[in-house]
Every structure is written in C-alpha cells, then in structure tokens.
C-alpha cells in the first residue's frame, strides 16, 4: 500500500471510531484526528517526490496481529 493509502486508512479508522463513540467530546477528537490524517495523505505525494527520509507511518506497525 502506498504512503497516501496508509494515511487514508488511518483516517478511515479514526472516522469509524468517531461513529462508534458515545462521548461527544471524544467523537469530536476522533474526527479531528481523522481530518489531520486526510491532510497528511494529501501531502504525501509531494513527500514522495522529495525522497523524504523519515516516515512516521511504518507499514509493519499497521499490519494486524
């Protein structure tokens, strides 16, 4: 999966958590975090073009146990 796809997957997970959250405050926080991941996903193609050395998303951490 591409870096952009990984960030979009993380965003989808945050929005899913928000939808299942009972607390309005926590729901809002999950949505904010999801929106930040979407913004990072939109920036990731530019980072790929610049050969970025540091990537906070490590694919091996995203794999289910």
C-alpha atoms as a PDB file:
ATOM      1  CA  UNK A   1       0.000   0.000   0.000  1.00  0.00           C
ATOM      2  CA  UNK A   2       1.254   3.485  -0.757  1.00  0.00           C
ATOM      3  CA  UNK A   3       2.031   6.006   1.944  1.00  0.00           C
ATOM      4  CA  UNK A   4      -1.030   8.011   0.912  1.00  0.00           C
ATOM      5  CA  UNK A   5      -3.181   4.901   1.145  1.00  0.00           C
ATOM      6  CA  UNK A   6      -1.850   4.112   4.616  1.00  0.00           C
ATOM      7  CA  UNK A   7      -2.728   7.593   5.858  1.00  0.00           C
ATOM      8  CA  UNK A   8      -6.185   7.363   4.302  1.00  0.00           C
ATOM      9  CA  UNK A   9      -6.684   4.002   6.017  1.00  0.00           C
ATOM     10  CA  UNK A  10      -5.719   5.578   9.328  1.00  0.00           C
ATOM     11  CA  UNK A  11      -8.176   8.418   8.673  1.00  0.00           C
ATOM     12  CA  UNK A  12     -10.957   5.930   7.917  1.00  0.00           C
ATOM     13  CA  UNK A  13     -10.188   4.117  11.179  1.00  0.00           C
ATOM     14  CA  UNK A  14     -10.455   7.385  13.125  1.00  0.00           C
ATOM     15  CA  UNK A  15     -13.774   8.268  11.481  1.00  0.00           C
ATOM     16  CA  UNK A  16     -15.059   4.762  12.235  1.00  0.00           C
ATOM     17  CA  UNK A  17     -14.084   5.161  15.887  1.00  0.00           C
ATOM     18  CA  UNK A  18     -15.833   8.530  15.960  1.00  0.00           C
ATOM     19  CA  UNK A  19     -19.023   6.987  14.616  1.00  0.00           C
ATOM     20  CA  UNK A  20     -18.999   4.398  17.418  1.00  0.00           C
ATOM     21  CA  UNK A  21     -18.088   6.790  20.224  1.00  0.00           C
ATOM     22  CA  UNK A  22     -20.691   7.592  22.876  1.00  0.00           C
ATOM     23  CA  UNK A  23     -18.943  10.673  24.257  1.00  0.00           C
ATOM     24  CA  UNK A  24     -19.496  13.767  22.109  1.00  0.00           C
ATOM     25  CA  UNK A  25     -16.126  15.170  23.150  1.00  0.00           C
ATOM     26  CA  UNK A  26     -14.233  12.014  22.208  1.00  0.00           C
ATOM     27  CA  UNK A  27     -16.195  11.762  18.957  1.00  0.00           C
ATOM     28  CA  UNK A  28     -15.063  15.274  18.046  1.00  0.00           C
ATOM     29  CA  UNK A  29     -11.445  14.410  18.885  1.00  0.00           C
ATOM     30  CA  UNK A  30     -11.533  11.282  16.698  1.00  0.00           C
ATOM     31  CA  UNK A  31     -12.943  13.356  13.825  1.00  0.00           C
ATOM     32  CA  UNK A  32     -10.228  15.984  14.238  1.00  0.00           C
ATOM     33  CA  UNK A  33      -7.552  13.299  14.198  1.00  0.00           C
ATOM     34  CA  UNK A  34      -9.134  11.728  11.093  1.00  0.00           C
ATOM     35  CA  UNK A  35      -9.138  15.100   9.337  1.00  0.00           C
ATOM     36  CA  UNK A  36      -5.437  15.545  10.150  1.00  0.00           C
ATOM     37  CA  UNK A  37      -4.647  12.148   8.618  1.00  0.00           C
ATOM     38  CA  UNK A  38      -6.570  13.161   5.471  1.00  0.00           C
ATOM     39  CA  UNK A  39      -4.488  16.343   5.257  1.00  0.00           C
ATOM     40  CA  UNK A  40      -1.269  14.354   5.646  1.00  0.00           C
ATOM     41  CA  UNK A  41      -2.455  11.902   2.975  1.00  0.00           C
ATOM     42  CA  UNK A  42      -2.960  14.793   0.577  1.00  0.00           C
ATOM     43  CA  UNK A  43       0.605  15.966   1.233  1.00  0.00           C
ATOM     44  CA  UNK A  44       2.230  12.547   0.924  1.00  0.00           C
ATOM     45  CA  UNK A  45       2.701  12.561  -2.892  1.00  0.00           C
ATOM     46  CA  UNK A  46       4.821  15.707  -2.504  1.00  0.00           C
ATOM     47  CA  UNK A  47       6.917  13.988   0.166  1.00  0.00           C
ATOM     48  CA  UNK A  48       7.455  11.021  -2.170  1.00  0.00           C
ATOM     49  CA  UNK A  49       8.731  13.370  -4.869  1.00  0.00           C
ATOM     50  CA  UNK A  50      11.270  14.839  -2.444  1.00  0.00           C
ATOM     51  CA  UNK A  51      12.603  11.447  -1.292  1.00  0.00           C
ATOM     52  CA  UNK A  52      11.695  12.048   2.314  1.00  0.00           C
ATOM     53  CA  UNK A  53      13.886  10.015   4.647  1.00  0.00           C
ATOM     54  CA  UNK A  54      11.611   9.987   7.702  1.00  0.00           C
ATOM     55  CA  UNK A  55       8.179   8.417   7.535  1.00  0.00           C
ATOM     56  CA  UNK A  56       6.178   8.287  10.769  1.00  0.00           C
ATOM     57  CA  UNK A  57       3.881   5.614   9.351  1.00  0.00           C
ATOM     58  CA  UNK A  58       5.684   2.307   9.473  1.00  0.00           C
ATOM     59  CA  UNK A  59       3.915  -0.334   7.444  1.00  0.00           C
ATOM     60  CA  UNK A  60       4.866  -3.167   9.788  1.00  0.00           C
ATOM     61  CA  UNK A  61       3.018  -1.398  12.627  1.00  0.00           C
ATOM     62  CA  UNK A  62      -0.182  -1.255  10.588  1.00  0.00           C
ATOM     63  CA  UNK A  63      -0.371  -4.998   9.987  1.00  0.00           C
ATOM     64  CA  UNK A  64      -2.922  -6.844  12.125  1.00  0.00           C
ATOM     65  CA  UNK A  65      -1.508  -9.228  14.729  1.00  0.00           C
END
